[in-house]
């Protein structure tokens, strides 16, 4: 499965199959939240939250790719990510794009 954030794939012609998306809501363990609160006081990267967001993006991307495969897609183009806080210490990540099928050569 080819995943790109452009609206084309060089040298490939394709037909659009439709919108595909994936999402997840992730949270950190309360013990990690306490540790991150102390880090907030002194500044610097909140590594536990960075790891949480990386994991959330990976899960959402896999779900989007699985949805595209189920449609018979060869690729997803024009991929975009968005995230939002849904509650303290929890974030939603959504990824979406256009599933495409390559034209026969």
PDB file of N, CA and C in Angstrom:
ATOM      1  N   UNK A   1       0.860  -1.179   0.000  1.00  0.00           N
ATOM      2  CA  UNK A   1       0.000   0.000   0.000  1.00  0.00           C
ATOM      3  C   UNK A   1       0.900   1.234   0.000  1.00  0.00           C
ATOM      4  N   UNK A   2       0.681   2.095  -0.972  1.00  0.00           N
ATOM      5  CA  UNK A   2       1.425   3.349  -1.054  1.00  0.00           C
ATOM      6  C   UNK A   2       0.609   4.424  -0.338  1.00  0.00           C
ATOM      7  N   UNK A   3       1.252   5.164   0.553  1.00  0.00           N
ATOM      8  CA  UNK A   3       0.617   6.248   1.304  1.00  0.00           C
ATOM      9  C   UNK A   3       1.401   7.525   1.044  1.00  0.00           C
ATOM     10  N   UNK A   4       0.730   8.547   0.476  1.00  0.00           N
ATOM     11  CA  UNK A   4       1.408   9.811   0.174  1.00  0.00           C
ATOM     12  C   UNK A   4       0.528  10.990   0.567  1.00  0.00           C
ATOM     13  N   UNK A   5       1.184  12.120   0.831  1.00  0.00           N
ATOM     14  CA  UNK A   5       0.407  13.329   1.146  1.00  0.00           C
ATOM     15  C   UNK A   5       0.257  14.251  -0.057  1.00  0.00           C
ATOM     16  N   UNK A   6       0.628  13.766  -1.231  1.00  0.00           N
ATOM     17  CA  UNK A   6       0.435  14.528  -2.464  1.00  0.00           C
ATOM     18  C   UNK A   6      -0.840  14.040  -3.149  1.00  0.00           C
ATOM     19  N   UNK A   7      -1.314  14.797  -4.131  1.00  0.00           N
ATOM     20  CA  UNK A   7      -2.528  14.381  -4.838  1.00  0.00           C
ATOM     21  C   UNK A   7      -2.201  13.606  -6.114  1.00  0.00           C
ATOM     22  N   UNK A   8      -0.970  13.138  -6.229  1.00  0.00           N
ATOM     23  CA  UNK A   8      -0.554  12.351  -7.382  1.00  0.00           C
ATOM     24  C   UNK A   8       0.573  11.412  -6.950  1.00  0.00           C
ATOM     25  N   UNK A   9       0.811  10.407  -7.785  1.00  0.00           N
ATOM     26  CA  UNK A   9       1.960   9.519  -7.616  1.00  0.00           C
ATOM     27  C   UNK A   9       2.678   9.545  -8.958  1.00  0.00           C
ATOM     28  N   UNK A  10       3.910  10.030  -9.007  1.00  0.00           N
ATOM     29  CA  UNK A  10       4.605  10.180 -10.284  1.00  0.00           C
ATOM     30  C   UNK A  10       4.580   8.894 -11.116  1.00  0.00           C
ATOM     31  N   UNK A  11       4.182   9.053 -12.386  1.00  0.00           N
ATOM     32  CA  UNK A  11       4.178   7.942 -13.329  1.00  0.00           C
ATOM     33  C   UNK A  11       3.008   6.984 -13.184  1.00  0.00           C
ATOM     34  N   UNK A  12       2.057   7.284 -12.305  1.00  0.00           N
ATOM     35  CA  UNK A  12       0.920   6.376 -12.110  1.00  0.00           C
ATOM     36  C   UNK A  12      -0.388   7.076 -12.435  1.00  0.00           C
ATOM     37  N   UNK A  13      -1.250   6.371 -13.152  1.00  0.00           N
ATOM     38  CA  UNK A  13      -2.615   6.841 -13.385  1.00  0.00           C
ATOM     39  C   UNK A  13      -3.520   5.999 -12.502  1.00  0.00           C
ATOM     40  N   UNK A  14      -4.579   6.610 -12.017  1.00  0.00           N
ATOM     41  CA  UNK A  14      -5.456   5.874 -11.101  1.00  0.00           C
ATOM     42  C   UNK A  14      -6.868   6.424 -11.142  1.00  0.00           C
ATOM     43  N   UNK A  15      -7.768   5.614 -10.610  1.00  0.00           N
ATOM     44  CA  UNK A  15      -9.148   6.057 -10.419  1.00  0.00           C
ATOM     45  C   UNK A  15      -9.365   6.212  -8.921  1.00  0.00           C
ATOM     46  N   UNK A  16     -10.134   7.204  -8.554  1.00  0.00           N
ATOM     47  CA  UNK A  16     -10.426   7.454  -7.151  1.00  0.00           C
ATOM     48  C   UNK A  16     -11.553   6.542  -6.692  1.00  0.00           C
ATOM     49  N   UNK A  17     -11.357   5.931  -5.536  1.00  0.00           N
ATOM     50  CA  UNK A  17     -12.367   5.040  -4.972  1.00  0.00           C
ATOM     51  C   UNK A  17     -13.203   5.720  -3.887  1.00  0.00           C
ATOM     52  N   UNK A  18     -12.606   6.668  -3.192  1.00  0.00           N
ATOM     53  CA  UNK A  18     -13.355   7.369  -2.156  1.00  0.00           C
ATOM     54  C   UNK A  18     -12.513   7.699  -0.935  1.00  0.00           C
ATOM     55  N   UNK A  19     -13.152   8.379  -0.011  1.00  0.00           N
ATOM     56  CA  UNK A  19     -12.519   8.810   1.229  1.00  0.00           C
ATOM     57  C   UNK A  19     -12.316   7.623   2.161  1.00  0.00           C
ATOM     58  N   UNK A  20     -11.141   7.564   2.766  1.00  0.00           N
ATOM     59  CA  UNK A  20     -10.867   6.575   3.811  1.00  0.00           C
ATOM     60  C   UNK A  20     -10.316   7.314   5.013  1.00  0.00           C
ATOM     61  N   UNK A  21     -10.561   6.760   6.206  1.00  0.00           N
ATOM     62  CA  UNK A  21     -10.074   7.417   7.412  1.00  0.00           C
ATOM     63  C   UNK A  21      -9.782   6.371   8.468  1.00  0.00           C
ATOM     64  N   UNK A  22      -9.020   6.799   9.446  1.00  0.00           N
ATOM     65  CA  UNK A  22      -8.725   5.983  10.618  1.00  0.00           C
ATOM     66  C   UNK A  22      -8.587   6.916  11.795  1.00  0.00           C
ATOM     67  N   UNK A  23      -8.953   6.445  12.963  1.00  0.00           N
ATOM     68  CA  UNK A  23      -8.820   7.294  14.148  1.00  0.00           C
ATOM     69  C   UNK A  23      -8.607   6.442  15.378  1.00  0.00           C
ATOM     70  N   UNK A  24      -8.131   7.080  16.426  1.00  0.00           N
ATOM     71  CA  UNK A  24      -7.973   6.449  17.727  1.00  0.00           C
ATOM     72  C   UNK A  24      -7.956   7.538  18.789  1.00  0.00           C
ATOM     73  N   UNK A  25      -8.304   7.153  19.985  1.00  0.00           N
ATOM     74  CA  UNK A  25      -8.173   8.031  21.146  1.00  0.00           C
ATOM     75  C   UNK A  25      -7.226   7.329  22.106  1.00  0.00           C
ATOM     76  N   UNK A  26      -6.171   8.009  22.471  1.00  0.00           N
ATOM     77  CA  UNK A  26      -5.142   7.438  23.336  1.00  0.00           C
ATOM     78  C   UNK A  26      -5.016   8.250  24.618  1.00  0.00           C
ATOM     79  N   UNK A  27      -4.606   7.580  25.670  1.00  0.00           N
ATOM     80  CA  UNK A  27      -4.345   8.237  26.943  1.00  0.00           C
ATOM     81  C   UNK A  27      -3.113   7.624  27.578  1.00  0.00           C
ATOM     82  N   UNK A  28      -2.486   8.356  28.453  1.00  0.00           N
ATOM     83  CA  UNK A  28      -1.324   7.868  29.181  1.00  0.00           C
ATOM     84  C   UNK A  28      -1.761   7.369  30.547  1.00  0.00           C
ATOM     85  N   UNK A  29      -0.966   6.497  31.134  1.00  0.00           N
ATOM     86  CA  UNK A  29      -1.180   5.993  32.481  1.00  0.00           C
ATOM     87  C   UNK A  29      -1.083   7.143  33.476  1.00  0.00           C
ATOM     88  N   UNK A  30      -1.911   7.132  34.507  1.00  0.00           N
ATOM     89  CA  UNK A  30      -1.945   8.236  35.473  1.00  0.00           C
ATOM     90  C   UNK A  30      -0.569   8.474  36.101  1.00  0.00           C
ATOM     91  N   UNK A  31       0.212   7.432  36.315  1.00  0.00           N
ATOM     92  CA  UNK A  31       1.564   7.604  36.854  1.00  0.00           C
ATOM     93  C   UNK A  31       2.442   8.416  35.924  1.00  0.00           C
ATOM     94  N   UNK A  32       2.313   8.185  34.639  1.00  0.00           N
ATOM     95  CA  UNK A  32       3.087   8.971  33.662  1.00  0.00           C
ATOM     96  C   UNK A  32       2.584  10.406  33.624  1.00  0.00           C
ATOM     97  N   UNK A  33       1.277  10.612  33.810  1.00  0.00           N
ATOM     98  CA  UNK A  33       0.731  11.968  33.843  1.00  0.00           C
ATOM     99  C   UNK A  33       1.358  12.783  34.970  1.00  0.00           C
ATOM    100  N   UNK A  34       1.545  12.162  36.125  1.00  0.00           N
ATOM    101  CA  UNK A  34       2.152  12.858  37.262  1.00  0.00           C
ATOM    102  C   UNK A  34       3.584  13.253  36.919  1.00  0.00           C
ATOM    103  N   UNK A  35       4.327  12.323  36.328  1.00  0.00           N
ATOM    104  CA  UNK A  35       5.704  12.625  35.923  1.00  0.00           C
ATOM    105  C   UNK A  35       5.767  13.742  34.899  1.00  0.00           C
ATOM    106  N   UNK A  36       4.833  13.747  33.967  1.00  0.00           N
ATOM    107  CA  UNK A  36       4.816  14.785  32.937  1.00  0.00           C
ATOM    108  C   UNK A  36       4.430  16.140  33.529  1.00  0.00           C
ATOM    109  N   UNK A  37       3.608  16.137  34.585  1.00  0.00           N
ATOM    110  CA  UNK A  37       3.239  17.389  35.248  1.00  0.00           C
ATOM    111  C   UNK A  37       4.471  18.054  35.843  1.00  0.00           C
ATOM    112  N   UNK A  38       5.369  17.274  36.417  1.00  0.00           N
ATOM    113  CA  UNK A  38       6.607  17.844  36.957  1.00  0.00           C
ATOM    114  C   UNK A  38       7.483  18.394  35.832  1.00  0.00           C
ATOM    115  N   UNK A  39       7.545  17.699  34.718  1.00  0.00           N
ATOM    116  CA  UNK A  39       8.325  18.161  33.567  1.00  0.00           C
ATOM    117  C   UNK A  39       7.775  19.484  33.053  1.00  0.00           C
ATOM    118  N   UNK A  40       6.460  19.642  33.130  1.00  0.00           N
ATOM    119  CA  UNK A  40       5.811  20.882  32.699  1.00  0.00           C
ATOM    120  C   UNK A  40       6.335  22.076  33.496  1.00  0.00           C
ATOM    121  N   UNK A  41       6.688  21.851  34.744  1.00  0.00           N
ATOM    122  CA  UNK A  41       7.185  22.938  35.604  1.00  0.00           C
ATOM    123  C   UNK A  41       8.572  23.417  35.187  1.00  0.00           C
ATOM    124  N   UNK A  42       9.424  22.507  34.710  1.00  0.00           N
ATOM    125  CA  UNK A  42      10.794  22.879  34.388  1.00  0.00           C
ATOM    126  C   UNK A  42      11.036  23.061  32.896  1.00  0.00           C
ATOM    127  N   UNK A  43      10.093  22.656  32.080  1.00  0.00           N
ATOM    128  CA  UNK A  43      10.231  22.823  30.639  1.00  0.00           C
ATOM    129  C   UNK A  43      10.874  21.624  29.975  1.00  0.00           C
ATOM    130  N   UNK A  44      10.768  21.569  28.674  1.00  0.00           N
ATOM    131  CA  UNK A  44      11.348  20.485  27.895  1.00  0.00           C
ATOM    132  C   UNK A  44      10.285  19.624  27.251  1.00  0.00           C
ATOM    133  N   UNK A  45      10.753  18.651  26.501  1.00  0.00           N
ATOM    134  CA  UNK A  45       9.834  17.770  25.783  1.00  0.00           C
ATOM    135  C   UNK A  45       9.111  16.841  26.746  1.00  0.00           C
ATOM    136  N   UNK A  46       7.834  16.656  26.510  1.00  0.00           N
ATOM    137  CA  UNK A  46       7.035  15.704  27.282  1.00  0.00           C
ATOM    138  C   UNK A  46       7.081  14.376  26.533  1.00  0.00           C
ATOM    139  N   UNK A  47       8.132  13.604  26.775  1.00  0.00           N
ATOM    140  CA  UNK A  47       8.407  12.410  25.970  1.00  0.00           C
ATOM    141  C   UNK A  47       7.283  11.384  26.034  1.00  0.00           C
ATOM    142  N   UNK A  48       6.669  11.217  27.194  1.00  0.00           N
ATOM    143  CA  UNK A  48       5.579  10.232  27.293  1.00  0.00           C
ATOM    144  C   UNK A  48       4.433  10.623  26.369  1.00  0.00           C
ATOM    145  N   UNK A  49       4.156  11.922  26.250  1.00  0.00           N
ATOM    146  CA  UNK A  49       3.086  12.373  25.360  1.00  0.00           C
ATOM    147  C   UNK A  49       3.509  12.294  23.901  1.00  0.00           C
ATOM    148  N   UNK A  50       4.775  12.564  23.617  1.00  0.00           N
ATOM    149  CA  UNK A  50       5.268  12.406  22.244  1.00  0.00           C
ATOM    150  C   UNK A  50       5.134  10.954  21.797  1.00  0.00           C
ATOM    151  N   UNK A  51       5.497  10.028  22.685  1.00  0.00           N
ATOM    152  CA  UNK A  51       5.372   8.604  22.371  1.00  0.00           C
ATOM    153  C   UNK A  51       3.905   8.222  22.184  1.00  0.00           C
ATOM    154  N   UNK A  52       3.030   8.768  23.037  1.00  0.00           N
ATOM    155  CA  UNK A  52       1.601   8.482  22.923  1.00  0.00           C
ATOM    156  C   UNK A  52       1.077   8.942  21.567  1.00  0.00           C
ATOM    157  N   UNK A  53       1.465  10.133  21.135  1.00  0.00           N
ATOM    158  CA  UNK A  53       0.981  10.663  19.860  1.00  0.00           C
ATOM    159  C   UNK A  53       1.559   9.883  18.684  1.00  0.00           C
ATOM    160  N   UNK A  54       2.829   9.466  18.761  1.00  0.00           N
ATOM    161  CA  UNK A  54       3.417   8.637  17.702  1.00  0.00           C
ATOM    162  C   UNK A  54       2.649   7.326  17.573  1.00  0.00           C
ATOM    163  N   UNK A  55       2.349   6.714  18.707  1.00  0.00           N
ATOM    164  CA  UNK A  55       1.599   5.458  18.705  1.00  0.00           C
ATOM    165  C   UNK A  55       0.190   5.681  18.135  1.00  0.00           C
ATOM    166  N   UNK A  56      -0.444   6.769  18.530  1.00  0.00           N
ATOM    167  CA  UNK A  56      -1.799   7.065  18.042  1.00  0.00           C
ATOM    168  C   UNK A  56      -1.794   7.280  16.529  1.00  0.00           C
ATOM    169  N   UNK A  57      -0.806   8.011  16.003  1.00  0.00           N
ATOM    170  CA  UNK A  57      -0.723   8.214  14.554  1.00  0.00           C
ATOM    171  C   UNK A  57      -0.535   6.888  13.822  1.00  0.00           C
ATOM    172  N   UNK A  58       0.302   5.998  14.384  1.00  0.00           N
ATOM    173  CA  UNK A  58       0.544   4.700  13.751  1.00  0.00           C
ATOM    174  C   UNK A  58      -0.737   3.854  13.723  1.00  0.00           C
ATOM    175  N   UNK A  59      -1.477   3.848  14.817  1.00  0.00           N
ATOM    176  CA  UNK A  59      -2.731   3.081  14.880  1.00  0.00           C
ATOM    177  C   UNK A  59      -3.742   3.643  13.887  1.00  0.00           C
ATOM    178  N   UNK A  60      -3.904   4.965  13.878  1.00  0.00           N
ATOM    179  CA  UNK A  60      -4.871   5.599  12.976  1.00  0.00           C
ATOM    180  C   UNK A  60      -4.492   5.342  11.516  1.00  0.00           C
ATOM    181  N   UNK A  61      -3.205   5.429  11.195  1.00  0.00           N
ATOM    182  CA  UNK A  61      -2.748   5.191   9.828  1.00  0.00           C
ATOM    183  C   UNK A  61      -3.025   3.752   9.405  1.00  0.00           C
ATOM    184  N   UNK A  62      -2.760   2.794  10.291  1.00  0.00           N
ATOM    185  CA  UNK A  62      -3.039   1.390   9.975  1.00  0.00           C
ATOM    186  C   UNK A  62      -4.529   1.187   9.725  1.00  0.00           C
ATOM    187  N   UNK A  63      -5.375   1.799  10.526  1.00  0.00           N
ATOM    188  CA  UNK A  63      -6.820   1.650  10.341  1.00  0.00           C
ATOM    189  C   UNK A  63      -7.272   2.240   9.007  1.00  0.00           C
ATOM    190  N   UNK A  64      -6.674   3.377   8.624  1.00  0.00           N
ATOM    191  CA  UNK A  64      -7.006   3.981   7.338  1.00  0.00           C
ATOM    192  C   UNK A  64      -6.565   3.064   6.192  1.00  0.00           C
ATOM    193  N   UNK A  65      -5.337   2.547   6.278  1.00  0.00           N
ATOM    194  CA  UNK A  65      -4.818   1.661   5.229  1.00  0.00           C
ATOM    195  C   UNK A  65      -5.656   0.386   5.138  1.00  0.00           C
ATOM    196  N   UNK A  66      -6.086  -0.153   6.276  1.00  0.00           N
ATOM    197  CA  UNK A  66      -6.942  -1.343   6.266  1.00  0.00           C
ATOM    198  C   UNK A  66      -8.273  -1.055   5.569  1.00  0.00           C
ATOM    199  N   UNK A  67      -8.834   0.108   5.827  1.00  0.00           N
ATOM    200  CA  UNK A  67     -10.089   0.491   5.166  1.00  0.00           C
ATOM    201  C   UNK A  67      -9.882   0.606   3.657  1.00  0.00           C
ATOM    202  N   UNK A  68      -8.742   1.170   3.251  1.00  0.00           N
ATOM    203  CA  UNK A  68      -8.436   1.310   1.822  1.00  0.00           C
ATOM    204  C   UNK A  68      -8.269  -0.066   1.172  1.00  0.00           C
ATOM    205  N   UNK A  69      -7.561  -0.978   1.838  1.00  0.00           N
ATOM    206  CA  UNK A  69      -7.388  -2.336   1.308  1.00  0.00           C
ATOM    207  C   UNK A  69      -8.745  -3.020   1.116  1.00  0.00           C
ATOM    208  N   UNK A  70      -9.635  -2.830   2.085  1.00  0.00           N
ATOM    209  CA  UNK A  70     -10.964  -3.441   2.003  1.00  0.00           C
ATOM    210  C   UNK A  70     -11.747  -2.924   0.794  1.00  0.00           C
ATOM    211  N   UNK A  71     -11.422  -1.715   0.325  1.00  0.00           N
ATOM    212  CA  UNK A  71     -12.067  -1.142  -0.865  1.00  0.00           C
ATOM    213  C   UNK A  71     -11.383  -1.587  -2.146  1.00  0.00           C
ATOM    214  N   UNK A  72     -10.253  -2.290  -2.027  1.00  0.00           N
ATOM    215  CA  UNK A  72      -9.495  -2.715  -3.202  1.00  0.00           C
ATOM    216  C   UNK A  72      -8.490  -1.685  -3.672  1.00  0.00           C
ATOM    217  N   UNK A  73      -8.117  -0.759  -2.818  1.00  0.00           N
ATOM    218  CA  UNK A  73      -7.193   0.320  -3.194  1.00  0.00           C
ATOM    219  C   UNK A  73      -5.754  -0.167  -3.272  1.00  0.00           C
ATOM    220  N   UNK A  74      -4.990   0.499  -4.126  1.00  0.00           N
ATOM    221  CA  UNK A  74      -3.553   0.263  -4.228  1.00  0.00           C
ATOM    222  C   UNK A  74      -2.764   1.319  -3.463  1.00  0.00           C
ATOM    223  N   UNK A  75      -3.403   2.460  -3.214  1.00  0.00           N
ATOM    224  CA  UNK A  75      -2.713   3.567  -2.560  1.00  0.00           C
ATOM    225  C   UNK A  75      -3.732   4.498  -1.910  1.00  0.00           C
ATOM    226  N   UNK A  76      -3.226   5.344  -1.030  1.00  0.00           N
ATOM    227  CA  UNK A  76      -4.024   6.435  -0.473  1.00  0.00           C
ATOM    228  C   UNK A  76      -3.238   7.710  -0.731  1.00  0.00           C
ATOM    229  N   UNK A  77      -3.890   8.677  -1.367  1.00  0.00           N
ATOM    230  CA  UNK A  77      -3.241   9.942  -1.693  1.00  0.00           C
ATOM    231  C   UNK A  77      -3.836  11.064  -0.835  1.00  0.00           C
ATOM    232  N   UNK A  78      -3.134  12.186  -0.833  1.00  0.00           N
ATOM    233  CA  UNK A  78      -3.615  13.403  -0.176  1.00  0.00           C
ATOM    234  C   UNK A  78      -3.925  13.170   1.307  1.00  0.00           C
ATOM    235  N   UNK A  79      -3.033  12.442   1.985  1.00  0.00           N
ATOM    236  CA  UNK A  79      -3.240  12.090   3.390  1.00  0.00           C
ATOM    237  C   UNK A  79      -3.046  13.320   4.278  1.00  0.00           C
ATOM    238  N   UNK A  80      -3.942  13.452   5.237  1.00  0.00           N
ATOM    239  CA  UNK A  80      -3.887  14.553   6.211  1.00  0.00           C
ATOM    240  C   UNK A  80      -4.135  13.995   7.608  1.00  0.00           C
ATOM    241  N   UNK A  81      -3.483  14.599   8.592  1.00  0.00           N
ATOM    242  CA  UNK A  81      -3.651  14.229   9.997  1.00  0.00           C
ATOM    243  C   UNK A  81      -4.246  15.397  10.764  1.00  0.00           C
ATOM    244  N   UNK A  82      -5.017  15.080  11.782  1.00  0.00           N
ATOM    245  CA  UNK A  82      -5.531  16.096  12.706  1.00  0.00           C
ATOM    246  C   UNK A  82      -5.575  15.463  14.090  1.00  0.00           C
ATOM    247  N   UNK A  83      -5.437  16.284  15.097  1.00  0.00           N
ATOM    248  CA  UNK A  83      -5.534  15.774  16.469  1.00  0.00           C
ATOM    249  C   UNK A  83      -6.237  16.803  17.327  1.00  0.00           C
ATOM    250  N   UNK A  84      -6.816  16.300  18.403  1.00  0.00           N
ATOM    251  CA  UNK A  84      -7.481  17.189  19.357  1.00  0.00           C
ATOM    252  C   UNK A  84      -7.488  16.528  20.721  1.00  0.00           C
ATOM    253  N   UNK A  85      -7.493  17.349  21.742  1.00  0.00           N
ATOM    254  CA  UNK A  85      -7.603  16.844  23.112  1.00  0.00           C
ATOM    255  C   UNK A  85      -9.073  16.549  23.383  1.00  0.00           C
ATOM    256  N   UNK A  86      -9.358  15.376  23.909  1.00  0.00           N
ATOM    257  CA  UNK A  86     -10.737  15.034  24.226  1.00  0.00           C
ATOM    258  C   UNK A  86     -10.999  15.117  25.727  1.00  0.00           C
ATOM    259  N   UNK A  87      -9.925  15.059  26.508  1.00  0.00           N
ATOM    260  CA  UNK A  87      -9.977  15.259  27.949  1.00  0.00           C
ATOM    261  C   UNK A  87      -8.534  15.372  28.436  1.00  0.00           C
ATOM    262  N   UNK A  88      -8.339  15.747  29.666  1.00  0.00           N
ATOM    263  CA  UNK A  88      -6.973  15.901  30.182  1.00  0.00           C
ATOM    264  C   UNK A  88      -6.201  14.588  30.038  1.00  0.00           C
ATOM    265  N   UNK A  89      -5.087  14.646  29.329  1.00  0.00           N
ATOM    266  CA  UNK A  89      -4.245  13.474  29.155  1.00  0.00           C
ATOM    267  C   UNK A  89      -4.682  12.524  28.061  1.00  0.00           C
ATOM    268  N   UNK A  90      -5.718  12.867  27.303  1.00  0.00           N
ATOM    269  CA  UNK A  90      -6.179  11.994  26.218  1.00  0.00           C
ATOM    270  C   UNK A  90      -6.316  12.809  24.940  1.00  0.00           C
ATOM    271  N   UNK A  91      -5.939  12.197  23.839  1.00  0.00           N
ATOM    272  CA  UNK A  91      -6.007  12.887  22.555  1.00  0.00           C
ATOM    273  C   UNK A  91      -6.560  11.966  21.487  1.00  0.00           C
ATOM    274  N   UNK A  92      -7.304  12.554  20.566  1.00  0.00           N
ATOM    275  CA  UNK A  92      -7.789  11.834  19.396  1.00  0.00           C
ATOM    276  C   UNK A  92      -6.901  12.196  18.220  1.00  0.00           C
ATOM    277  N   UNK A  93      -6.548  11.201  17.439  1.00  0.00           N
ATOM    278  CA  UNK A  93      -5.834  11.415  16.185  1.00  0.00           C
ATOM    279  C   UNK A  93      -6.699  10.835  15.087  1.00  0.00           C
ATOM    280  N   UNK A  94      -6.890  11.613  14.040  1.00  0.00           N
ATOM    281  CA  UNK A  94      -7.612  11.138  12.859  1.00  0.00           C
ATOM    282  C   UNK A  94      -6.725  11.370  11.648  1.00  0.00           C
ATOM    283  N   UNK A  95      -6.744  10.419  10.744  1.00  0.00           N
ATOM    284  CA  UNK A  95      -6.017  10.530   9.482  1.00  0.00           C
ATOM    285  C   UNK A  95      -7.011  10.195   8.378  1.00  0.00           C
ATOM    286  N   UNK A  96      -6.923  10.921   7.275  1.00  0.00           N
ATOM    287  CA  UNK A  96      -7.843  10.671   6.170  1.00  0.00           C
ATOM    288  C   UNK A  96      -7.151  10.967   4.858  1.00  0.00           C
ATOM    289  N   UNK A  97      -7.667  10.343   3.812  1.00  0.00           N
ATOM    290  CA  UNK A  97      -7.118  10.538   2.483  1.00  0.00           C
ATOM    291  C   UNK A  97      -8.062   9.944   1.447  1.00  0.00           C
ATOM    292  N   UNK A  98      -7.608   9.912   0.211  1.00  0.00           N
ATOM    293  CA  UNK A  98      -8.404   9.384  -0.890  1.00  0.00           C
ATOM    294  C   UNK A  98      -7.818   8.057  -1.340  1.00  0.00           C
ATOM    295  N   UNK A  99      -8.628   7.000  -1.268  1.00  0.00           N
ATOM    296  CA  UNK A  99      -8.210   5.683  -1.744  1.00  0.00           C
ATOM    297  C   UNK A  99      -8.258   5.685  -3.261  1.00  0.00           C
ATOM    298  N   UNK A 100      -7.223   5.112  -3.886  1.00  0.00           N
ATOM    299  CA  UNK A 100      -7.154   5.042  -5.346  1.00  0.00           C
ATOM    300  C   UNK A 100      -6.749   3.644  -5.803  1.00  0.00           C
ATOM    301  N   UNK A 101      -7.172   3.317  -7.018  1.00  0.00           N
ATOM    302  CA  UNK A 101      -6.794   2.047  -7.663  1.00  0.00           C
ATOM    303  C   UNK A 101      -6.040   2.402  -8.920  1.00  0.00           C
ATOM    304  N   UNK A 102      -4.867   1.767  -9.112  1.00  0.00           N
ATOM    305  CA  UNK A 102      -4.048   2.064 -10.281  1.00  0.00           C
ATOM    306  C   UNK A 102      -4.709   1.550 -11.553  1.00  0.00           C
ATOM    307  N   UNK A 103      -4.578   2.341 -12.627  1.00  0.00           N
ATOM    308  CA  UNK A 103      -5.065   1.937 -13.938  1.00  0.00           C
ATOM    309  C   UNK A 103      -4.176   0.832 -14.471  1.00  0.00           C
ATOM    310  N   UNK A 104      -4.768  -0.074 -15.226  1.00  0.00           N
ATOM    311  CA  UNK A 104      -3.990  -1.174 -15.823  1.00  0.00           C
ATOM    312  C   UNK A 104      -3.015  -0.587 -16.826  1.00  0.00           C
ATOM    313  N   UNK A 105      -1.836  -1.139 -16.877  1.00  0.00           N
ATOM    314  CA  UNK A 105      -0.801  -0.639 -17.796  1.00  0.00           C
ATOM    315  C   UNK A 105      -0.779  -1.445 -19.055  1.00  0.00           C
TER     316      UNK A 105
END
